[in-house]
Each structure stands twice: as C-alpha cells, then as structure tokens.
Amino acid sequence: MFENFTVTERWTKKPVHCAYQMLIVAISTRHADAIDIKFLADGKPVWVALPHPAWVEYKKRTGKLITDSLAVEIAGHYLRSALAQGEGLGREMFSLTVEETLQHLDAAVAEMQAAVPA
C-alpha cells in the first residue's frame, strides 16, 4: 500500500510519485542504529531512517515483530504524511524517533486493514 504511491505536496500542489527501492541496515553504511529505507520521490532518492530500538519496543508492547515489509510500509506512511504536510520537499533523509515509528506503524496498519474488504 505504501510501497508505491502518489501524494500531493502541500506547498507546490504538485503530485509526487514515490516508489520503494531498497532497505539497508544503517550500521553497515553510516554506523547508525537504524534501518534505512530508500524511496524514489519523482526519481530523486529519499531515505527514511527507522531506529532499531523501535523493533524492541514494539516486541515488548505487542509480542509481535516488525518485518522488513512492515518497515517499508511504516516508512512509506511517514513519507506520504511528511510530503502531504509540506515537510521536507527536497530533503534526502528523514530520521524518526521510536515513538514516531510506532505511531506510523499503527496508522499504516489501520489504513491497510481498512482497505481490506470485510
């Protein structure tokens, strides 16, 4: 659902097409305790960094795991929200906190569940 989407950027009112490209463990690339998820936003690279401690906190709260595909959905949900609110057009990197990650996880799951016909 959030791997490939189009959102209207708040300030320019132009549609921005975003497509998931890759997921990388940031420890190996930039020595950060995060998972970096790359999207192409109108062909330009945009990274969303999700902190590793969010995986631990989510497991503690729910007993469930954040999978790679769920991490992509979280990052895509965040990116869609950020662009729709006019945050960071032209930025290459967004770093979320643990709480932001979990909030976007809950919102993404709720939207995906609402999209499934009953």
PDB file of N, CA and C in Angstrom:
ATOM      1  N   MET A   1       0.810  -1.185   0.000  1.00  0.00           N
ATOM      2  CA  MET A   1       0.000   0.000   0.000  1.00  0.00           C
ATOM      3  C   MET A   1       0.862   1.262   0.000  1.00  0.00           C
ATOM      4  N   PHE A   2       1.925   1.267   0.798  1.00  0.00           N
ATOM      5  CA  PHE A   2       2.794   2.440   0.870  1.00  0.00           C
ATOM      6  C   PHE A   2       4.139   2.202   0.195  1.00  0.00           C
ATOM      7  N   GLU A   3       4.232   1.166  -0.619  1.00  0.00           N
ATOM      8  CA  GLU A   3       5.456   0.908  -1.383  1.00  0.00           C
ATOM      9  C   GLU A   3       5.494   1.732  -2.654  1.00  0.00           C
ATOM     10  N   ASN A   4       4.330   2.077  -3.168  1.00  0.00           N
ATOM     11  CA  ASN A   4       4.236   2.801  -4.428  1.00  0.00           C
ATOM     12  C   ASN A   4       2.983   3.673  -4.353  1.00  0.00           C
ATOM     13  N   PHE A   5       3.157   4.970  -4.260  1.00  0.00           N
ATOM     14  CA  PHE A   5       2.012   5.862  -4.067  1.00  0.00           C
ATOM     15  C   PHE A   5       2.298   7.232  -4.662  1.00  0.00           C
ATOM     16  N   THR A   6       1.258   7.997  -4.814  1.00  0.00           N
ATOM     17  CA  THR A   6       1.378   9.380  -5.249  1.00  0.00           C
ATOM     18  C   THR A   6       0.692  10.245  -4.202  1.00  0.00           C
ATOM     19  N   VAL A   7       1.340  11.328  -3.847  1.00  0.00           N
ATOM     20  CA  VAL A   7       0.808  12.255  -2.845  1.00  0.00           C
ATOM     21  C   VAL A   7       0.953  13.672  -3.374  1.00  0.00           C
ATOM     22  N   THR A   8       0.011  14.526  -3.016  1.00  0.00           N
ATOM     23  CA  THR A   8       0.093  15.924  -3.414  1.00  0.00           C
ATOM     24  C   THR A   8       0.896  16.680  -2.367  1.00  0.00           C
ATOM     25  N   GLU A   9       2.003  17.279  -2.792  1.00  0.00           N
ATOM     26  CA  GLU A   9       2.856  18.047  -1.883  1.00  0.00           C
ATOM     27  C   GLU A   9       2.120  19.334  -1.499  1.00  0.00           C
ATOM     28  N   ARG A  10       2.152  19.632  -0.213  1.00  0.00           N
ATOM     29  CA  ARG A  10       1.344  20.722   0.328  1.00  0.00           C
ATOM     30  C   ARG A  10       1.610  22.084  -0.308  1.00  0.00           C
ATOM     31  N   TRP A  11       2.859  22.454  -0.468  1.00  0.00           N
ATOM     32  CA  TRP A  11       3.177  23.813  -0.904  1.00  0.00           C
ATOM     33  C   TRP A  11       3.098  24.003  -2.404  1.00  0.00           C
ATOM     34  N   THR A  12       3.561  23.030  -3.160  1.00  0.00           N
ATOM     35  CA  THR A  12       3.559  23.183  -4.619  1.00  0.00           C
ATOM     36  C   THR A  12       2.253  22.717  -5.250  1.00  0.00           C
ATOM     37  N   LYS A  13       1.491  21.926  -4.508  1.00  0.00           N
ATOM     38  CA  LYS A  13       0.236  21.321  -5.001  1.00  0.00           C
ATOM     39  C   LYS A  13       0.473  20.362  -6.166  1.00  0.00           C
ATOM     40  N   LYS A  14       1.712  19.938  -6.324  1.00  0.00           N
ATOM     41  CA  LYS A  14       2.049  19.011  -7.397  1.00  0.00           C
ATOM     42  C   LYS A  14       2.036  17.576  -6.871  1.00  0.00           C
ATOM     43  N   PRO A  15       1.610  16.637  -7.715  1.00  0.00           N
ATOM     44  CA  PRO A  15       1.679  15.239  -7.305  1.00  0.00           C
ATOM     45  C   PRO A  15       3.127  14.752  -7.306  1.00  0.00           C
ATOM     46  N   VAL A  16       3.484  14.007  -6.274  1.00  0.00           N
ATOM     47  CA  VAL A  16       4.820  13.434  -6.154  1.00  0.00           C
ATOM     48  C   VAL A  16       4.656  11.914  -6.129  1.00  0.00           C
ATOM     49  N   HIS A  17       5.251  11.231  -7.094  1.00  0.00           N
ATOM     50  CA  HIS A  17       5.191   9.774  -7.133  1.00  0.00           C
ATOM     51  C   HIS A  17       6.355   9.211  -6.323  1.00  0.00           C
ATOM     52  N   CYS A  18       6.042   8.350  -5.370  1.00  0.00           N
ATOM     53  CA  CYS A  18       7.060   7.731  -4.517  1.00  0.00           C
ATOM     54  C   CYS A  18       7.023   6.220  -4.699  1.00  0.00           C
ATOM     55  N   ALA A  19       8.194   5.632  -4.840  1.00  0.00           N
ATOM     56  CA  ALA A  19       8.300   4.190  -5.016  1.00  0.00           C
ATOM     57  C   ALA A  19       9.447   3.649  -4.165  1.00  0.00           C
ATOM     58  N   TYR A  20       9.152   2.607  -3.416  1.00  0.00           N
ATOM     59  CA  TYR A  20      10.160   1.944  -2.591  1.00  0.00           C
ATOM     60  C   TYR A  20      11.244   1.367  -3.492  1.00  0.00           C
ATOM     61  N   GLN A  21      12.500   1.526  -3.042  1.00  0.00           N
ATOM     62  CA  GLN A  21      13.596   0.968  -3.815  1.00  0.00           C
ATOM     63  C   GLN A  21      14.404  -0.069  -3.047  1.00  0.00           C
ATOM     64  N   MET A  22      14.788   0.243  -1.783  1.00  0.00           N
ATOM     65  CA  MET A  22      15.607  -0.721  -1.043  1.00  0.00           C
ATOM     66  C   MET A  22      15.578  -0.456   0.455  1.00  0.00           C
ATOM     67  N   LEU A  23      16.025  -1.465   1.188  1.00  0.00           N
ATOM     68  CA  LEU A  23      16.135  -1.405   2.649  1.00  0.00           C
ATOM     69  C   LEU A  23      17.562  -1.810   3.014  1.00  0.00           C
ATOM     70  N   ILE A  24      18.194  -1.021   3.878  1.00  0.00           N
ATOM     71  CA  ILE A  24      19.584  -1.286   4.258  1.00  0.00           C
ATOM     72  C   ILE A  24      19.722  -1.145   5.776  1.00  0.00           C
ATOM     73  N   VAL A  25      20.478  -2.033   6.371  1.00  0.00           N
ATOM     74  CA  VAL A  25      20.820  -1.890   7.790  1.00  0.00           C
ATOM     75  C   VAL A  25      21.870  -0.792   7.881  1.00  0.00           C
ATOM     76  N   ALA A  26      21.522   0.311   8.539  1.00  0.00           N
ATOM     77  CA  ALA A  26      22.368   1.512   8.527  1.00  0.00           C
ATOM     78  C   ALA A  26      23.672   1.353   9.304  1.00  0.00           C
ATOM     79  N   ILE A  27      23.774   0.336  10.136  1.00  0.00           N
ATOM     80  CA  ILE A  27      25.021   0.110  10.869  1.00  0.00           C
ATOM     81  C   ILE A  27      26.169  -0.061   9.874  1.00  0.00           C
ATOM     82  N   SER A  28      25.894  -0.763   8.794  1.00  0.00           N
ATOM     83  CA  SER A  28      26.955  -1.051   7.829  1.00  0.00           C
ATOM     84  C   SER A  28      27.281   0.139   6.929  1.00  0.00           C
ATOM     85  N   THR A  29      26.340   1.039   6.705  1.00  0.00           N
ATOM     86  CA  THR A  29      26.587   2.125   5.763  1.00  0.00           C
ATOM     87  C   THR A  29      26.941   3.452   6.426  1.00  0.00           C
ATOM     88  N   ARG A  30      26.326   3.744   7.570  1.00  0.00           N
ATOM     89  CA  ARG A  30      26.605   5.039   8.199  1.00  0.00           C
ATOM     90  C   ARG A  30      26.755   4.932   9.721  1.00  0.00           C
ATOM     91  N   HIS A  31      26.977   3.707  10.206  1.00  0.00           N
ATOM     92  CA  HIS A  31      27.240   3.449  11.628  1.00  0.00           C
ATOM     93  C   HIS A  31      26.116   3.985  12.522  1.00  0.00           C
ATOM     94  N   ALA A  32      24.882   3.854  12.059  1.00  0.00           N
ATOM     95  CA  ALA A  32      23.715   4.300  12.812  1.00  0.00           C
ATOM     96  C   ALA A  32      22.905   3.079  13.239  1.00  0.00           C
ATOM     97  N   ASP A  33      22.262   3.184  14.380  1.00  0.00           N
ATOM     98  CA  ASP A  33      21.438   2.107  14.904  1.00  0.00           C
ATOM     99  C   ASP A  33      20.038   2.238  14.311  1.00  0.00           C
ATOM    100  N   ALA A  34      19.944   1.989  13.000  1.00  0.00           N
ATOM    101  CA  ALA A  34      18.690   2.202  12.290  1.00  0.00           C
ATOM    102  C   ALA A  34      18.602   1.311  11.060  1.00  0.00           C
ATOM    103  N   ILE A  35      17.404   1.259  10.530  1.00  0.00           N
ATOM    104  CA  ILE A  35      17.157   0.653   9.227  1.00  0.00           C
ATOM    105  C   ILE A  35      16.849   1.810   8.290  1.00  0.00           C
ATOM    106  N   ASP A  36      17.583   1.920   7.198  1.00  0.00           N
ATOM    107  CA  ASP A  36      17.362   2.975   6.209  1.00  0.00           C
ATOM    108  C   ASP A  36      16.549   2.404   5.059  1.00  0.00           C
ATOM    109  N   ILE A  37      15.468   3.088   4.731  1.00  0.00           N
ATOM    110  CA  ILE A  37      14.593   2.645   3.662  1.00  0.00           C
ATOM    111  C   ILE A  37      14.580   3.718   2.590  1.00  0.00           C
ATOM    112  N   LYS A  38      14.945   3.306   1.379  1.00  0.00           N
ATOM    113  CA  LYS A  38      15.082   4.257   0.268  1.00  0.00           C
ATOM    114  C   LYS A  38      13.854   4.229  -0.631  1.00  0.00           C
ATOM    115  N   PHE A  39      13.359   5.420  -0.908  1.00  0.00           N
ATOM    116  CA  PHE A  39      12.298   5.617  -1.886  1.00  0.00           C
ATOM    117  C   PHE A  39      12.834   6.516  -2.981  1.00  0.00           C
ATOM    118  N   LEU A  40      12.230   6.445  -4.132  1.00  0.00           N
ATOM    119  CA  LEU A  40      12.459   7.436  -5.173  1.00  0.00           C
ATOM    120  C   LEU A  40      11.215   8.313  -5.194  1.00  0.00           C
ATOM    121  N   ALA A  41      11.404   9.612  -4.928  1.00  0.00           N
ATOM    122  CA  ALA A  41      10.314  10.580  -4.955  1.00  0.00           C
ATOM    123  C   ALA A  41      10.492  11.412  -6.210  1.00  0.00           C
ATOM    124  N   ASP A  42       9.642  11.151  -7.197  1.00  0.00           N
ATOM    125  CA  ASP A  42       9.801  11.756  -8.520  1.00  0.00           C
ATOM    126  C   ASP A  42      11.214  11.539  -9.057  1.00  0.00           C
ATOM    127  N   GLY A  43      11.733  10.331  -8.816  1.00  0.00           N
ATOM    128  CA  GLY A  43      13.037   9.952  -9.332  1.00  0.00           C
ATOM    129  C   GLY A  43      14.225  10.348  -8.476  1.00  0.00           C
ATOM    130  N   LYS A  44      13.989  11.120  -7.410  1.00  0.00           N
ATOM    131  CA  LYS A  44      15.080  11.556  -6.534  1.00  0.00           C
ATOM    132  C   LYS A  44      15.108  10.684  -5.275  1.00  0.00           C
ATOM    133  N   PRO A  45      16.303  10.276  -4.830  1.00  0.00           N
ATOM    134  CA  PRO A  45      16.381   9.416  -3.654  1.00  0.00           C
ATOM    135  C   PRO A  45      15.982  10.136  -2.366  1.00  0.00           C
ATOM    136  N   VAL A  46      15.175   9.441  -1.579  1.00  0.00           N
ATOM    137  CA  VAL A  46      14.756   9.919  -0.257  1.00  0.00           C
ATOM    138  C   VAL A  46      14.870   8.729   0.685  1.00  0.00           C
ATOM    139  N   TRP A  47      15.557   8.933   1.804  1.00  0.00           N
ATOM    140  CA  TRP A  47      15.757   7.877   2.795  1.00  0.00           C
ATOM    141  C   TRP A  47      14.932   8.172   4.040  1.00  0.00           C
ATOM    142  N   VAL A  48      14.321   7.134   4.589  1.00  0.00           N
ATOM    143  CA  VAL A  48      13.617   7.232   5.862  1.00  0.00           C
ATOM    144  C   VAL A  48      14.319   6.273   6.810  1.00  0.00           C
ATOM    145  N   ALA A  49      14.864   6.821   7.910  1.00  0.00           N
ATOM    146  CA  ALA A  49      15.602   6.009   8.890  1.00  0.00           C
ATOM    147  C   ALA A  49      14.688   5.669  10.060  1.00  0.00           C
ATOM    148  N   LEU A  50      14.513   4.369  10.297  1.00  0.00           N
ATOM    149  CA  LEU A  50      13.722   3.886  11.421  1.00  0.00           C
ATOM    150  C   LEU A  50      14.679   3.321  12.473  1.00  0.00           C
ATOM    151  N   PRO A  51      14.591   3.786  13.723  1.00  0.00           N
ATOM    152  CA  PRO A  51      15.552   3.354  14.746  1.00  0.00           C
ATOM    153  C   PRO A  51      15.338   1.902  15.181  1.00  0.00           C
ATOM    154  N   HIS A  52      16.433   1.157  15.306  1.00  0.00           N
ATOM    155  CA  HIS A  52      16.356  -0.235  15.762  1.00  0.00           C
ATOM    156  C   HIS A  52      15.613  -0.396  17.082  1.00  0.00           C
ATOM    157  N   PRO A  53      15.778   0.510  18.055  1.00  0.00           N
ATOM    158  CA  PRO A  53      15.052   0.326  19.316  1.00  0.00           C
ATOM    159  C   PRO A  53      13.531   0.252  19.149  1.00  0.00           C
ATOM    160  N   ALA A  54      12.994   0.724  18.035  1.00  0.00           N
ATOM    161  CA  ALA A  54      11.548   0.607  17.789  1.00  0.00           C
ATOM    162  C   ALA A  54      11.142  -0.862  17.656  1.00  0.00           C
ATOM    163  N   TRP A  55      12.033  -1.700  17.087  1.00  0.00           N
ATOM    164  CA  TRP A  55      11.745  -3.126  16.955  1.00  0.00           C
ATOM    165  C   TRP A  55      11.601  -3.750  18.346  1.00  0.00           C
ATOM    166  N   VAL A  56      12.512  -3.398  19.232  1.00  0.00           N
ATOM    167  CA  VAL A  56      12.499  -3.941  20.590  1.00  0.00           C
ATOM    168  C   VAL A  56      11.249  -3.464  21.330  1.00  0.00           C
ATOM    169  N   GLU A  57      10.950  -2.179  21.231  1.00  0.00           N
ATOM    170  CA  GLU A  57       9.793  -1.620  21.932  1.00  0.00           C
ATOM    171  C   GLU A  57       8.488  -2.220  21.416  1.00  0.00           C
ATOM    172  N   TYR A  58       8.367  -2.403  20.112  1.00  0.00           N
ATOM    173  CA  TYR A  58       7.155  -2.982  19.538  1.00  0.00           C
ATOM    174  C   TYR A  58       6.978  -4.427  20.017  1.00  0.00           C
ATOM    175  N   LYS A  59       8.060  -5.179  20.033  1.00  0.00           N
ATOM    176  CA  LYS A  59       8.013  -6.566  20.518  1.00  0.00           C
ATOM    177  C   LYS A  59       7.596  -6.605  21.984  1.00  0.00           C
ATOM    178  N   LYS A  60       8.137  -5.664  22.774  1.00  0.00           N
ATOM    179  CA  LYS A  60       7.803  -5.597  24.191  1.00  0.00           C
ATOM    180  C   LYS A  60       6.315  -5.263  24.391  1.00  0.00           C
ATOM    181  N   ARG A  61       5.802  -4.336  23.606  1.00  0.00           N
ATOM    182  CA  ARG A  61       4.410  -3.888  23.759  1.00  0.00           C
ATOM    183  C   ARG A  61       3.391  -4.886  23.228  1.00  0.00           C
ATOM    184  N   THR A  62       3.740  -5.574  22.128  1.00  0.00           N
ATOM    185  CA  THR A  62       2.735  -6.385  21.441  1.00  0.00           C
ATOM    186  C   THR A  62       3.073  -7.867  21.352  1.00  0.00           C
ATOM    187  N   GLY A  63       4.329  -8.214  21.512  1.00  0.00           N
ATOM    188  CA  GLY A  63       4.747  -9.591  21.307  1.00  0.00           C
ATOM    189  C   GLY A  63       4.933  -9.930  19.832  1.00  0.00           C
ATOM    190  N   LYS A  64       4.755  -8.945  18.955  1.00  0.00           N
ATOM    191  CA  LYS A  64       4.875  -9.148  17.513  1.00  0.00           C
ATOM    192  C   LYS A  64       6.183  -8.555  17.003  1.00  0.00           C
ATOM    193  N   LEU A  65       6.565  -8.979  15.795  1.00  0.00           N
ATOM    194  CA  LEU A  65       7.788  -8.494  15.173  1.00  0.00           C
ATOM    195  C   LEU A  65       7.482  -7.497  14.059  1.00  0.00           C
ATOM    196  N   ILE A  66       8.391  -6.557  13.871  1.00  0.00           N
ATOM    197  CA  ILE A  66       8.335  -5.686  12.696  1.00  0.00           C
ATOM    198  C   ILE A  66       9.126  -6.400  11.604  1.00  0.00           C
ATOM    199  N   THR A  67       8.449  -6.779  10.543  1.00  0.00           N
ATOM    200  CA  THR A  67       9.097  -7.453   9.416  1.00  0.00           C
ATOM    201  C   THR A  67       9.673  -6.397   8.468  1.00  0.00           C
ATOM    202  N   ASP A  68      10.470  -6.841   7.521  1.00  0.00           N
ATOM    203  CA  ASP A  68      11.001  -5.914   6.518  1.00  0.00           C
ATOM    204  C   ASP A  68       9.869  -5.240   5.748  1.00  0.00           C
ATOM    205  N   SER A  69       8.880  -6.022   5.351  1.00  0.00           N
ATOM    206  CA  SER A  69       7.784  -5.437   4.574  1.00  0.00           C
ATOM    207  C   SER A  69       6.977  -4.451   5.412  1.00  0.00           C
ATOM    208  N   LEU A  70       6.813  -4.714   6.699  1.00  0.00           N
ATOM    209  CA  LEU A  70       6.116  -3.764   7.562  1.00  0.00           C
ATOM    210  C   LEU A  70       6.959  -2.499   7.739  1.00  0.00           C
ATOM    211  N   ALA A  71       8.260  -2.637   7.832  1.00  0.00           N
ATOM    212  CA  ALA A  71       9.147  -1.464   7.937  1.00  0.00           C
ATOM    213  C   ALA A  71       9.001  -0.572   6.707  1.00  0.00           C
ATOM    214  N   VAL A  72       8.885  -1.175   5.523  1.00  0.00           N
ATOM    215  CA  VAL A  72       8.684  -0.404   4.298  1.00  0.00           C
ATOM    216  C   VAL A  72       7.355   0.342   4.367  1.00  0.00           C
ATOM    217  N   GLU A  73       6.327  -0.317   4.861  1.00  0.00           N
ATOM    218  CA  GLU A  73       5.007   0.326   4.993  1.00  0.00           C
ATOM    219  C   GLU A  73       5.067   1.501   5.978  1.00  0.00           C
ATOM    220  N   ILE A  74       5.780   1.325   7.081  1.00  0.00           N
ATOM    221  CA  ILE A  74       5.928   2.402   8.071  1.00  0.00           C
ATOM    222  C   ILE A  74       6.617   3.604   7.424  1.00  0.00           C
ATOM    223  N   ALA A  75       7.723   3.338   6.752  1.00  0.00           N
ATOM    224  CA  ALA A  75       8.483   4.420   6.122  1.00  0.00           C
ATOM    225  C   ALA A  75       7.665   5.107   5.032  1.00  0.00           C
ATOM    226  N   GLY A  76       6.945   4.332   4.240  1.00  0.00           N
ATOM    227  CA  GLY A  76       6.109   4.907   3.193  1.00  0.00           C
ATOM    228  C   GLY A  76       4.979   5.744   3.763  1.00  0.00           C
ATOM    229  N   HIS A  77       4.381   5.270   4.845  1.00  0.00           N
ATOM    230  CA  HIS A  77       3.320   6.043   5.501  1.00  0.00           C
ATOM    231  C   HIS A  77       3.880   7.366   6.010  1.00  0.00           C
ATOM    232  N   TYR A  78       5.045   7.313   6.637  1.00  0.00           N
ATOM    233  CA  TYR A  78       5.672   8.543   7.121  1.00  0.00           C
ATOM    234  C   TYR A  78       5.957   9.499   5.967  1.00  0.00           C
ATOM    235  N   LEU A  79       6.562   8.996   4.899  1.00  0.00           N
ATOM    236  CA  LEU A  79       6.931   9.847   3.774  1.00  0.00           C
ATOM    237  C   LEU A  79       5.701  10.489   3.146  1.00  0.00           C
ATOM    238  N   ARG A  80       4.656   9.710   2.966  1.00  0.00           N
ATOM    239  CA  ARG A  80       3.412  10.269   2.420  1.00  0.00           C
ATOM    240  C   ARG A  80       2.890  11.385   3.308  1.00  0.00           C
ATOM    241  N   SER A  81       2.881  11.155   4.610  1.00  0.00           N
ATOM    242  CA  SER A  81       2.403  12.171   5.562  1.00  0.00           C
ATOM    243  C   SER A  81       3.281  13.420   5.533  1.00  0.00           C
ATOM    244  N   ALA A  82       4.587  13.224   5.519  1.00  0.00           N
ATOM    245  CA  ALA A  82       5.519  14.356   5.529  1.00  0.00           C
ATOM    246  C   ALA A  82       5.335  15.228   4.296  1.00  0.00           C
ATOM    247  N   LEU A  83       5.222  14.619   3.137  1.00  0.00           N
ATOM    248  CA  LEU A  83       5.061  15.390   1.908  1.00  0.00           C
ATOM    249  C   LEU A  83       3.698  16.086   1.865  1.00  0.00           C
ATOM    250  N   ALA A  84       2.660  15.397   2.311  1.00  0.00           N
ATOM    251  CA  ALA A  84       1.321  15.996   2.319  1.00  0.00           C
ATOM    252  C   ALA A  84       1.247  17.198   3.259  1.00  0.00           C
ATOM    253  N   GLN A  85       2.062  17.173   4.318  1.00  0.00           N
ATOM    254  CA  GLN A  85       2.075  18.272   5.287  1.00  0.00           C
ATOM    255  C   GLN A  85       3.096  19.348   4.936  1.00  0.00           C
ATOM    256  N   GLY A  86       3.822  19.161   3.838  1.00  0.00           N
ATOM    257  CA  GLY A  86       4.780  20.162   3.395  1.00  0.00           C
ATOM    258  C   GLY A  86       6.107  20.114   4.113  1.00  0.00           C
ATOM    259  N   GLU A  87       6.434  18.966   4.685  1.00  0.00           N
ATOM    260  CA  GLU A  87       7.695  18.823   5.413  1.00  0.00           C
ATOM    261  C   GLU A  87       8.763  18.223   4.513  1.00  0.00           C
ATOM    262  N   GLY A  88       9.785  18.983   4.258  1.00  0.00           N
ATOM    263  CA  GLY A  88      10.983  18.432   3.682  1.00  0.00           C
ATOM    264  C   GLY A  88      11.026  18.141   2.208  1.00  0.00           C
ATOM    265  N   LEU A  89      10.242  18.830   1.389  1.00  0.00           N
ATOM    266  CA  LEU A  89      10.401  18.622  -0.045  1.00  0.00           C
ATOM    267  C   LEU A  89      11.840  19.004  -0.396  1.00  0.00           C
ATOM    268  N   GLY A  90      12.546  18.102  -1.008  1.00  0.00           N
ATOM    269  CA  GLY A  90      13.944  18.346  -1.341  1.00  0.00           C
ATOM    270  C   GLY A  90      14.917  17.739  -0.338  1.00  0.00           C
ATOM    271  N   ARG A  91      14.419  17.286   0.810  1.00  0.00           N
ATOM    272  CA  ARG A  91      15.300  16.617   1.773  1.00  0.00           C
ATOM    273  C   ARG A  91      15.620  15.223   1.289  1.00  0.00           C
ATOM    274  N   GLU A  92      16.815  14.759   1.634  1.00  0.00           N
ATOM    275  CA  GLU A  92      17.222  13.413   1.242  1.00  0.00           C
ATOM    276  C   GLU A  92      17.095  12.401   2.368  1.00  0.00           C
ATOM    277  N   MET A  93      17.014  12.864   3.624  1.00  0.00           N
ATOM    278  CA  MET A  93      16.988  11.939   4.755  1.00  0.00           C
ATOM    279  C   MET A  93      16.010  12.425   5.815  1.00  0.00           C
ATOM    280  N   PHE A  94      15.198  11.492   6.292  1.00  0.00           N
ATOM    281  CA  PHE A  94      14.300  11.735   7.417  1.00  0.00           C
ATOM    282  C   PHE A  94      14.634  10.694   8.476  1.00  0.00           C
ATOM    283  N   SER A  95      14.796  11.113   9.727  1.00  0.00           N
ATOM    284  CA  SER A  95      15.075  10.182  10.820  1.00  0.00           C
ATOM    285  C   SER A  95      13.929  10.249  11.815  1.00  0.00           C
ATOM    286  N   LEU A  96      13.330   9.113  12.084  1.00  0.00           N
ATOM    287  CA  LEU A  96      12.210   9.053  13.009  1.00  0.00           C
ATOM    288  C   LEU A  96      12.681   8.649  14.394  1.00  0.00           C
ATOM    289  N   THR A  97      11.922   9.038  15.395  1.00  0.00           N
ATOM    290  CA  THR A  97      12.141   8.569  16.759  1.00  0.00           C
ATOM    291  C   THR A  97      11.431   7.226  16.921  1.00  0.00           C
ATOM    292  N   VAL A  98      11.653   6.579  18.052  1.00  0.00           N
ATOM    293  CA  VAL A  98      10.955   5.324  18.332  1.00  0.00           C
ATOM    294  C   VAL A  98       9.446   5.573  18.351  1.00  0.00           C
ATOM    295  N   GLU A  99       9.009   6.600  19.055  1.00  0.00           N
ATOM    296  CA  GLU A  99       7.574   6.886  19.148  1.00  0.00           C
ATOM    297  C   GLU A  99       6.973   7.222  17.794  1.00  0.00           C
ATOM    298  N   GLU A 100       7.662   8.017  16.989  1.00  0.00           N
ATOM    299  CA  GLU A 100       7.159   8.335  15.642  1.00  0.00           C
ATOM    300  C   GLU A 100       7.032   7.060  14.809  1.00  0.00           C
ATOM    301  N   THR A 101       8.022   6.185  14.923  1.00  0.00           N
ATOM    302  CA  THR A 101       7.986   4.928  14.183  1.00  0.00           C
ATOM    303  C   THR A 101       6.772   4.109  14.578  1.00  0.00           C
ATOM    304  N   LEU A 102       6.520   3.999  15.873  1.00  0.00           N
ATOM    305  CA  LEU A 102       5.387   3.200  16.342  1.00  0.00           C
ATOM    306  C   LEU A 102       4.048   3.853  15.986  1.00  0.00           C
ATOM    307  N   GLN A 103       3.988   5.177  16.003  1.00  0.00           N
ATOM    308  CA  GLN A 103       2.759   5.869  15.596  1.00  0.00           C
ATOM    309  C   GLN A 103       2.460   5.624  14.122  1.00  0.00           C
ATOM    310  N   HIS A 104       3.486   5.691  13.283  1.00  0.00           N
ATOM    311  CA  HIS A 104       3.275   5.451  11.862  1.00  0.00           C
ATOM    312  C   HIS A 104       3.004   3.977  11.585  1.00  0.00           C
ATOM    313  N   LEU A 105       3.557   3.089  12.388  1.00  0.00           N
ATOM    314  CA  LEU A 105       3.243   1.669  12.273  1.00  0.00           C
ATOM    315  C   LEU A 105       1.751   1.469  12.525  1.00  0.00           C
ATOM    316  N   ASP A 106       1.247   2.000  13.635  1.00  0.00           N
ATOM    317  CA  ASP A 106      -0.171   1.843  13.967  1.00  0.00           C
ATOM    318  C   ASP A 106      -1.065   2.439  12.887  1.00  0.00           C
ATOM    319  N   ALA A 107      -0.704   3.625  12.401  1.00  0.00           N
ATOM    320  CA  ALA A 107      -1.515   4.284  11.377  1.00  0.00           C
ATOM    321  C   ALA A 107      -1.492   3.505  10.060  1.00  0.00           C
ATOM    322  N   ALA A 108      -0.326   3.010   9.677  1.00  0.00           N
ATOM    323  CA  ALA A 108      -0.215   2.252   8.423  1.00  0.00           C
ATOM    324  C   ALA A 108      -1.025   0.962   8.507  1.00  0.00           C
ATOM    325  N   VAL A 109      -0.915   0.251   9.617  1.00  0.00           N
ATOM    326  CA  VAL A 109      -1.668  -1.000   9.784  1.00  0.00           C
ATOM    327  C   VAL A 109      -3.167  -0.720   9.764  1.00  0.00           C
ATOM    328  N   ALA A 110      -3.594   0.342  10.436  1.00  0.00           N
ATOM    329  CA  ALA A 110      -5.023   0.689  10.451  1.00  0.00           C
ATOM    330  C   ALA A 110      -5.523   0.995   9.038  1.00  0.00           C
ATOM    331  N   GLU A 111      -4.738   1.744   8.260  1.00  0.00           N
ATOM    332  CA  GLU A 111      -5.147   2.056   6.890  1.00  0.00           C
ATOM    333  C   GLU A 111      -5.173   0.817   6.013  1.00  0.00           C
ATOM    334  N   MET A 112      -4.200  -0.070   6.192  1.00  0.00           N
ATOM    335  CA  MET A 112      -4.171  -1.295   5.392  1.00  0.00           C
ATOM    336  C   MET A 112      -5.359  -2.191   5.748  1.00  0.00           C
ATOM    337  N   GLN A 113      -5.695  -2.289   7.033  1.00  0.00           N
ATOM    338  CA  GLN A 113      -6.830  -3.106   7.453  1.00  0.00           C
ATOM    339  C   GLN A 113      -8.144  -2.515   6.949  1.00  0.00           C
ATOM    340  N   ALA A 114      -8.253  -1.188   6.930  1.00  0.00           N
ATOM    341  CA  ALA A 114      -9.464  -0.538   6.443  1.00  0.00           C
ATOM    342  C   ALA A 114      -9.637  -0.750   4.936  1.00  0.00           C
ATOM    343  N   ALA A 115      -8.544  -0.937   4.227  1.00  0.00           N
ATOM    344  CA  ALA A 115      -8.603  -1.110   2.774  1.00  0.00           C
ATOM    345  C   ALA A 115      -9.012  -2.532   2.375  1.00  0.00           C
ATOM    346  N   VAL A 116      -8.912  -3.483   3.312  1.00  0.00           N
ATOM    347  CA  VAL A 116      -9.255  -4.867   3.022  1.00  0.00           C
ATOM    348  C   VAL A 116     -10.782  -5.019   3.135  1.00  0.00           C
ATOM    349  N   PRO A 117     -11.434  -5.515   2.079  1.00  0.00           N
ATOM    350  CA  PRO A 117     -12.886  -5.690   2.160  1.00  0.00           C
ATOM    351  C   PRO A 117     -13.268  -6.710   3.232  1.00  0.00           C
ATOM    352  N   ALA A 118     -14.311  -6.412   3.950  1.00  0.00           N
ATOM    353  CA  ALA A 118     -14.743  -7.297   5.055  1.00  0.00           C
ATOM    354  C   ALA A 118     -15.466  -8.510   4.552  1.00  0.00           C
TER     355      ALA A 118
END
